[in-house]
Amino acid sequence: MTIKAQRSQCRCLWFEYADTIPPQGSTTVTVTVDGSKARQGPLHETVQVVSKTDAAVTTSFEVVVEIR
Protein backbone atom coordinates (compact mmCIF):
# COMPACT_ATOMS: atom_id res chain seq x y z
CA MET A 1 0.00 0.00 0.00
CA THR A 2 1.23 3.50 -0.80
CA ILE A 3 0.35 6.24 1.71
CA LYS A 4 0.63 9.99 2.16
CA ALA A 5 0.33 12.27 5.19
CA GLN A 6 -1.92 15.27 4.63
CA ARG A 7 -0.43 18.74 5.05
CA SER A 8 -1.01 20.31 8.46
CA GLN A 9 -3.27 23.35 8.86
CA CYS A 10 -0.52 25.34 10.55
CA ARG A 11 1.97 24.40 7.79
CA CYS A 12 4.52 24.01 10.57
CA LEU A 13 4.70 20.21 10.63
CA TRP A 14 7.05 18.15 8.47
CA PHE A 15 6.68 14.41 8.03
CA GLU A 16 9.19 11.67 7.30
CA TYR A 17 7.97 8.16 6.51
CA ALA A 18 8.32 5.32 4.05
CA ASP A 19 5.44 5.86 1.68
CA THR A 20 5.13 2.17 0.77
CA ILE A 21 3.96 -0.36 3.36
CA PRO A 22 4.37 -4.06 2.44
CA PRO A 23 1.60 -6.59 3.18
CA GLN A 24 1.46 -7.32 6.92
CA GLY A 25 4.03 -4.51 7.41
CA SER A 26 4.09 -1.18 9.19
CA THR A 27 5.80 2.19 9.00
CA THR A 28 6.74 4.96 11.39
CA VAL A 29 5.75 8.57 10.79
CA THR A 30 8.23 11.04 12.26
CA VAL A 31 6.77 14.51 12.84
CA THR A 32 8.97 17.59 13.16
CA VAL A 33 7.57 20.93 14.31
CA ASP A 34 9.11 23.98 12.63
CA GLY A 35 9.14 26.42 15.54
CA SER A 36 9.80 29.39 13.25
CA LYS A 37 6.42 28.80 11.53
CA ALA A 38 4.37 27.83 14.59
CA ARG A 39 2.63 30.31 16.84
CA GLN A 40 3.68 30.46 20.46
CA GLY A 41 1.42 28.51 22.80
CA PRO A 42 -0.42 25.22 22.47
CA LEU A 43 -0.48 23.45 19.12
CA HIS A 44 -3.11 20.79 18.41
CA GLU A 45 -3.03 19.24 14.94
CA THR A 46 -4.75 16.18 13.54
CA VAL A 47 -2.64 14.42 10.93
CA GLN A 48 -4.50 12.34 8.36
CA VAL A 49 -2.69 9.43 6.70
CA VAL A 50 -4.46 8.10 3.61
CA SER A 51 -3.88 5.45 0.97
CA LYS A 52 -2.89 6.97 -2.37
CA THR A 53 -4.95 4.34 -4.20
CA ASP A 54 -8.03 4.02 -1.97
CA ALA A 55 -9.24 7.15 -0.16
CA ALA A 56 -11.47 4.97 2.06
CA VAL A 57 -8.34 3.58 3.75
CA THR A 58 -7.35 6.22 6.27
CA THR A 59 -6.21 6.80 9.82
CA SER A 60 -5.26 9.82 11.88
CA PHE A 61 -3.26 10.81 14.92
CA GLU A 62 -2.98 13.89 17.10
CA VAL A 63 0.10 16.09 17.53
CA VAL A 64 -0.08 18.11 20.75
CA VAL A 65 2.84 20.34 21.75
CA GLU A 66 3.51 23.59 23.61
CA ILE A 67 5.53 26.11 21.54
CA ARG A 68 7.64 28.41 23.72
PDB file of N, CA and C in Angstrom:
ATOM      1  N   MET A   1       0.845  -1.160   0.000  1.00  0.00           N
ATOM      2  CA  MET A   1       0.000   0.000   0.000  1.00  0.00           C
ATOM      3  C   MET A   1       0.898   1.234   0.000  1.00  0.00           C
ATOM      4  N   THR A   2       0.508   2.231  -0.759  1.00  0.00           N
ATOM      5  CA  THR A   2       1.233   3.499  -0.796  1.00  0.00           C
ATOM      6  C   THR A   2       0.415   4.539  -0.044  1.00  0.00           C
ATOM      7  N   ILE A   3       1.068   5.285   0.861  1.00  0.00           N
ATOM      8  CA  ILE A   3       0.354   6.242   1.711  1.00  0.00           C
ATOM      9  C   ILE A   3       0.917   7.648   1.546  1.00  0.00           C
ATOM     10  N   LYS A   4       0.135   8.618   2.061  1.00  0.00           N
ATOM     11  CA  LYS A   4       0.629   9.995   2.160  1.00  0.00           C
ATOM     12  C   LYS A   4       0.036  10.630   3.405  1.00  0.00           C
ATOM     13  N   ALA A   5       0.808  11.500   4.037  1.00  0.00           N
ATOM     14  CA  ALA A   5       0.325  12.270   5.186  1.00  0.00           C
ATOM     15  C   ALA A   5      -0.155  13.609   4.654  1.00  0.00           C
ATOM     16  N   GLN A   6      -1.352  14.013   5.088  1.00  0.00           N
ATOM     17  CA  GLN A   6      -1.919  15.274   4.628  1.00  0.00           C
ATOM     18  C   GLN A   6      -1.200  16.443   5.270  1.00  0.00           C
ATOM     19  N   ARG A   7      -1.103  17.528   4.557  1.00  0.00           N
ATOM     20  CA  ARG A   7      -0.434  18.736   5.046  1.00  0.00           C
ATOM     21  C   ARG A   7      -1.165  19.269   6.276  1.00  0.00           C
ATOM     22  N   SER A   8      -0.412  19.782   7.234  1.00  0.00           N
ATOM     23  CA  SER A   8      -1.010  20.312   8.461  1.00  0.00           C
ATOM     24  C   SER A   8      -1.632  21.681   8.203  1.00  0.00           C
ATOM     25  N   GLN A   9      -2.633  22.046   9.001  1.00  0.00           N
ATOM     26  CA  GLN A   9      -3.271  23.354   8.856  1.00  0.00           C
ATOM     27  C   GLN A   9      -2.299  24.486   9.166  1.00  0.00           C
ATOM     28  N   CYS A  10      -1.447  24.285  10.150  1.00  0.00           N
ATOM     29  CA  CYS A  10      -0.515  25.339  10.545  1.00  0.00           C
ATOM     30  C   CYS A  10       0.660  25.466   9.577  1.00  0.00           C
ATOM     31  N   ARG A  11       0.838  24.458   8.727  1.00  0.00           N
ATOM     32  CA  ARG A  11       1.968  24.405   7.787  1.00  0.00           C
ATOM     33  C   ARG A  11       3.311  24.479   8.513  1.00  0.00           C
ATOM     34  N   CYS A  12       3.307  24.000   9.767  1.00  0.00           N
ATOM     35  CA  CYS A  12       4.524  24.014  10.571  1.00  0.00           C
ATOM     36  C   CYS A  12       5.002  22.608  10.906  1.00  0.00           C
ATOM     37  N   LEU A  13       4.310  21.593  10.383  1.00  0.00           N
ATOM     38  CA  LEU A  13       4.702  20.209  10.629  1.00  0.00           C
ATOM     39  C   LEU A  13       5.317  19.617   9.372  1.00  0.00           C
ATOM     40  N   TRP A  14       6.391  18.854   9.563  1.00  0.00           N
ATOM     41  CA  TRP A  14       7.045  18.150   8.466  1.00  0.00           C
ATOM     42  C   TRP A  14       7.055  16.669   8.807  1.00  0.00           C
ATOM     43  N   PHE A  15       6.821  15.843   7.816  1.00  0.00           N
ATOM     44  CA  PHE A  15       6.683  14.409   8.026  1.00  0.00           C
ATOM     45  C   PHE A  15       7.779  13.649   7.286  1.00  0.00           C
ATOM     46  N   GLU A  16       8.278  12.611   7.930  1.00  0.00           N
ATOM     47  CA  GLU A  16       9.192  11.667   7.297  1.00  0.00           C
ATOM     48  C   GLU A  16       8.622  10.274   7.511  1.00  0.00           C
ATOM     49  N   TYR A  17       8.500   9.519   6.423  1.00  0.00           N
ATOM     50  CA  TYR A  17       7.973   8.160   6.512  1.00  0.00           C
ATOM     51  C   TYR A  17       8.239   7.439   5.200  1.00  0.00           C
ATOM     52  N   ALA A  18       8.245   6.132   5.265  1.00  0.00           N
ATOM     53  CA  ALA A  18       8.320   5.316   4.052  1.00  0.00           C
ATOM     54  C   ALA A  18       6.921   5.301   3.457  1.00  0.00           C
ATOM     55  N   ASP A  19       6.794   5.741   2.222  1.00  0.00           N
ATOM     56  CA  ASP A  19       5.439   5.856   1.675  1.00  0.00           C
ATOM     57  C   ASP A  19       4.854   4.540   1.163  1.00  0.00           C
ATOM     58  N   THR A  20       5.639   3.477   1.177  1.00  0.00           N
ATOM     59  CA  THR A  20       5.127   2.173   0.774  1.00  0.00           C
ATOM     60  C   THR A  20       5.198   1.210   1.958  1.00  0.00           C
ATOM     61  N   ILE A  21       4.054   0.602   2.260  1.00  0.00           N
ATOM     62  CA  ILE A  21       3.964  -0.362   3.355  1.00  0.00           C
ATOM     63  C   ILE A  21       3.713  -1.742   2.737  1.00  0.00           C
ATOM     64  N   PRO A  22       4.580  -2.712   3.008  1.00  0.00           N
ATOM     65  CA  PRO A  22       4.374  -4.059   2.442  1.00  0.00           C
ATOM     66  C   PRO A  22       3.210  -4.773   3.139  1.00  0.00           C
ATOM     67  N   PRO A  23       2.659  -5.807   2.518  1.00  0.00           N
ATOM     68  CA  PRO A  23       1.603  -6.592   3.175  1.00  0.00           C
ATOM     69  C   PRO A  23       2.071  -7.068   4.555  1.00  0.00           C
ATOM     70  N   GLN A  24       1.194  -6.949   5.531  1.00  0.00           N
ATOM     71  CA  GLN A  24       1.460  -7.318   6.921  1.00  0.00           C
ATOM     72  C   GLN A  24       2.574  -6.473   7.546  1.00  0.00           C
ATOM     73  N   GLY A  25       2.945  -5.357   6.913  1.00  0.00           N
ATOM     74  CA  GLY A  25       4.027  -4.511   7.407  1.00  0.00           C
ATOM     75  C   GLY A  25       3.513  -3.289   8.149  1.00  0.00           C
ATOM     76  N   SER A  26       4.432  -2.421   8.486  1.00  0.00           N
ATOM     77  CA  SER A  26       4.095  -1.179   9.185  1.00  0.00           C
ATOM     78  C   SER A  26       5.125  -0.125   8.808  1.00  0.00           C
ATOM     79  N   THR A  27       4.855   1.096   9.202  1.00  0.00           N
ATOM     80  CA  THR A  27       5.801   2.186   9.003  1.00  0.00           C
ATOM     81  C   THR A  27       5.728   3.109  10.202  1.00  0.00           C
ATOM     82  N   THR A  28       6.715   3.949  10.341  1.00  0.00           N
ATOM     83  CA  THR A  28       6.742   4.963  11.391  1.00  0.00           C
ATOM     84  C   THR A  28       6.668   6.330  10.730  1.00  0.00           C
ATOM     85  N   VAL A  29       5.834   7.200  11.271  1.00  0.00           N
ATOM     86  CA  VAL A  29       5.748   8.574  10.788  1.00  0.00           C
ATOM     87  C   VAL A  29       6.448   9.456  11.814  1.00  0.00           C
ATOM     88  N   THR A  30       7.516  10.116  11.391  1.00  0.00           N
ATOM     89  CA  THR A  30       8.233  11.044  12.261  1.00  0.00           C
ATOM     90  C   THR A  30       7.736  12.455  11.955  1.00  0.00           C
ATOM     91  N   VAL A  31       7.303  13.158  13.001  1.00  0.00           N
ATOM     92  CA  VAL A  31       6.771  14.508  12.837  1.00  0.00           C
ATOM     93  C   VAL A  31       7.745  15.504  13.460  1.00  0.00           C
ATOM     94  N   THR A  32       8.104  16.520  12.682  1.00  0.00           N
ATOM     95  CA  THR A  32       8.973  17.593  13.163  1.00  0.00           C
ATOM     96  C   THR A  32       8.179  18.884  13.143  1.00  0.00           C
ATOM     97  N   VAL A  33       8.249  19.640  14.235  1.00  0.00           N
ATOM     98  CA  VAL A  33       7.567  20.933  14.312  1.00  0.00           C
ATOM     99  C   VAL A  33       8.582  22.024  13.989  1.00  0.00           C
ATOM    100  N   ASP A  34       8.273  22.839  12.993  1.00  0.00           N
ATOM    101  CA  ASP A  34       9.115  23.975  12.629  1.00  0.00           C
ATOM    102  C   ASP A  34       8.703  25.149  13.513  1.00  0.00           C
ATOM    103  N   GLY A  35       9.473  25.379  14.572  1.00  0.00           N
ATOM    104  CA  GLY A  35       9.144  26.423  15.542  1.00  0.00           C
ATOM    105  C   GLY A  35       9.109  27.822  14.959  1.00  0.00           C
ATOM    106  N   SER A  36       9.805  28.057  13.864  1.00  0.00           N
ATOM    107  CA  SER A  36       9.799  29.389  13.248  1.00  0.00           C
ATOM    108  C   SER A  36       8.490  29.672  12.523  1.00  0.00           C
ATOM    109  N   LYS A  37       7.703  28.621  12.217  1.00  0.00           N
ATOM    110  CA  LYS A  37       6.424  28.802  11.530  1.00  0.00           C
ATOM    111  C   LYS A  37       5.227  28.613  12.448  1.00  0.00           C
ATOM    112  N   ALA A  38       5.458  28.096  13.642  1.00  0.00           N
ATOM    113  CA  ALA A  38       4.366  27.830  14.587  1.00  0.00           C
ATOM    114  C   ALA A  38       4.172  29.018  15.517  1.00  0.00           C
ATOM    115  N   ARG A  39       2.931  29.254  15.872  1.00  0.00           N
ATOM    116  CA  ARG A  39       2.625  30.310  16.844  1.00  0.00           C
ATOM    117  C   ARG A  39       3.011  29.838  18.239  1.00  0.00           C
ATOM    118  N   GLN A  40       3.375  30.785  19.071  1.00  0.00           N
ATOM    119  CA  GLN A  40       3.683  30.456  20.460  1.00  0.00           C
ATOM    120  C   GLN A  40       2.417  30.009  21.167  1.00  0.00           C
ATOM    121  N   GLY A  41       2.567  29.020  22.050  1.00  0.00           N
ATOM    122  CA  GLY A  41       1.422  28.507  22.795  1.00  0.00           C
ATOM    123  C   GLY A  41       1.118  27.078  22.410  1.00  0.00           C
ATOM    124  N   PRO A  42      -0.076  26.607  22.754  1.00  0.00           N
ATOM    125  CA  PRO A  42      -0.417  25.221  22.471  1.00  0.00           C
ATOM    126  C   PRO A  42      -0.670  24.989  20.980  1.00  0.00           C
ATOM    127  N   LEU A  43      -0.247  23.841  20.502  1.00  0.00           N
ATOM    128  CA  LEU A  43      -0.477  23.450  19.116  1.00  0.00           C
ATOM    129  C   LEU A  43      -1.170  22.093  19.135  1.00  0.00           C
ATOM    130  N   HIS A  44      -2.330  22.028  18.523  1.00  0.00           N
ATOM    131  CA  HIS A  44      -3.109  20.785  18.413  1.00  0.00           C
ATOM    132  C   HIS A  44      -3.397  20.576  16.932  1.00  0.00           C
ATOM    133  N   GLU A  45      -2.829  19.552  16.356  1.00  0.00           N
ATOM    134  CA  GLU A  45      -3.035  19.242  14.942  1.00  0.00           C
ATOM    135  C   GLU A  45      -3.454  17.783  14.796  1.00  0.00           C
ATOM    136  N   THR A  46      -4.384  17.536  13.915  1.00  0.00           N
ATOM    137  CA  THR A  46      -4.748  16.177  13.541  1.00  0.00           C
ATOM    138  C   THR A  46      -4.095  15.880  12.208  1.00  0.00           C
ATOM    139  N   VAL A  47      -3.326  14.816  12.156  1.00  0.00           N
ATOM    140  CA  VAL A  47      -2.643  14.420  10.934  1.00  0.00           C
ATOM    141  C   VAL A  47      -3.394  13.245  10.324  1.00  0.00           C
ATOM    142  N   GLN A  48      -3.824  13.400   9.092  1.00  0.00           N
ATOM    143  CA  GLN A  48      -4.501  12.336   8.360  1.00  0.00           C
ATOM    144  C   GLN A  48      -3.476  11.591   7.517  1.00  0.00           C
ATOM    145  N   VAL A  49      -3.519  10.275   7.562  1.00  0.00           N
ATOM    146  CA  VAL A  49      -2.688   9.434   6.704  1.00  0.00           C
ATOM    147  C   VAL A  49      -3.656   8.622   5.843  1.00  0.00           C
ATOM    148  N   VAL A  50      -3.517   8.742   4.522  1.00  0.00           N
ATOM    149  CA  VAL A  50      -4.456   8.098   3.606  1.00  0.00           C
ATOM    150  C   VAL A  50      -3.704   7.264   2.572  1.00  0.00           C
ATOM    151  N   SER A  51      -4.404   6.262   2.064  1.00  0.00           N
ATOM    152  CA  SER A  51      -3.884   5.452   0.969  1.00  0.00           C
ATOM    153  C   SER A  51      -3.946   6.283  -0.308  1.00  0.00           C
ATOM    154  N   LYS A  52      -2.895   6.243  -1.099  1.00  0.00           N
ATOM    155  CA  LYS A  52      -2.893   6.968  -2.373  1.00  0.00           C
ATOM    156  C   LYS A  52      -3.813   6.321  -3.404  1.00  0.00           C
ATOM    157  N   THR A  53      -4.135   5.048  -3.213  1.00  0.00           N
ATOM    158  CA  THR A  53      -4.951   4.339  -4.202  1.00  0.00           C
ATOM    159  C   THR A  53      -6.390   4.094  -3.766  1.00  0.00           C
ATOM    160  N   ASP A  54      -6.679   4.250  -2.472  1.00  0.00           N
ATOM    161  CA  ASP A  54      -8.031   4.017  -1.968  1.00  0.00           C
ATOM    162  C   ASP A  54      -8.309   4.998  -0.835  1.00  0.00           C
ATOM    163  N   ALA A  55      -8.991   6.087  -1.143  1.00  0.00           N
ATOM    164  CA  ALA A  55      -9.245   7.150  -0.157  1.00  0.00           C
ATOM    165  C   ALA A  55     -10.059   6.668   1.041  1.00  0.00           C
ATOM    166  N   ALA A  56     -10.706   5.512   0.931  1.00  0.00           N
ATOM    167  CA  ALA A  56     -11.471   4.970   2.058  1.00  0.00           C
ATOM    168  C   ALA A  56     -10.556   4.396   3.128  1.00  0.00           C
ATOM    169  N   VAL A  57      -9.304   4.115   2.784  1.00  0.00           N
ATOM    170  CA  VAL A  57      -8.339   3.576   3.752  1.00  0.00           C
ATOM    171  C   VAL A  57      -7.602   4.767   4.359  1.00  0.00           C
ATOM    172  N   THR A  58      -7.902   5.040   5.613  1.00  0.00           N
ATOM    173  CA  THR A  58      -7.353   6.225   6.266  1.00  0.00           C
ATOM    174  C   THR A  58      -7.214   5.998   7.763  1.00  0.00           C
ATOM    175  N   THR A  59      -6.337   6.760   8.366  1.00  0.00           N
ATOM    176  CA  THR A  59      -6.209   6.800   9.816  1.00  0.00           C
ATOM    177  C   THR A  59      -5.737   8.197  10.184  1.00  0.00           C
ATOM    178  N   SER A  60      -5.725   8.502  11.448  1.00  0.00           N
ATOM    179  CA  SER A  60      -5.261   9.818  11.881  1.00  0.00           C
ATOM    180  C   SER A  60      -4.627   9.704  13.257  1.00  0.00           C
ATOM    181  N   PHE A  61      -3.821  10.727  13.587  1.00  0.00           N
ATOM    182  CA  PHE A  61      -3.263  10.808  14.924  1.00  0.00           C
ATOM    183  C   PHE A  61      -3.125  12.285  15.293  1.00  0.00           C
ATOM    184  N   GLU A  62      -3.052  12.527  16.584  1.00  0.00           N
ATOM    185  CA  GLU A  62      -2.977  13.889  17.102  1.00  0.00           C
ATOM    186  C   GLU A  62      -1.532  14.269  17.437  1.00  0.00           C
ATOM    187  N   VAL A  63      -1.178  15.502  17.112  1.00  0.00           N
ATOM    188  CA  VAL A  63       0.099  16.087  17.526  1.00  0.00           C
ATOM    189  C   VAL A  63      -0.257  17.210  18.491  1.00  0.00           C
ATOM    190  N   VAL A  64       0.212  17.102  19.726  1.00  0.00           N
ATOM    191  CA  VAL A  64      -0.081  18.111  20.751  1.00  0.00           C
ATOM    192  C   VAL A  64       1.244  18.531  21.373  1.00  0.00           C
ATOM    193  N   VAL A  65       1.592  19.811  21.210  1.00  0.00           N
ATOM    194  CA  VAL A  65       2.840  20.340  21.750  1.00  0.00           C
ATOM    195  C   VAL A  65       2.610  21.756  22.285  1.00  0.00           C
ATOM    196  N   GLU A  66       3.524  22.208  23.102  1.00  0.00           N
ATOM    197  CA  GLU A  66       3.514  23.589  23.609  1.00  0.00           C
ATOM    198  C   GLU A  66       4.730  24.298  22.986  1.00  0.00           C
ATOM    199  N   ILE A  67       4.469  25.336  22.193  1.00  0.00           N
ATOM    200  CA  ILE A  67       5.532  26.105  21.539  1.00  0.00           C
ATOM    201  C   ILE A  67       5.902  27.258  22.472  1.00  0.00           C
ATOM    202  N   ARG A  68       7.193  27.333  22.818  1.00  0.00           N
ATOM    203  CA  ARG A  68       7.635  28.406  23.716  1.00  0.00           C
ATOM    204  C   ARG A  68       8.601  29.321  23.025  1.00  0.00           C
TER     205      ARG A  68
END
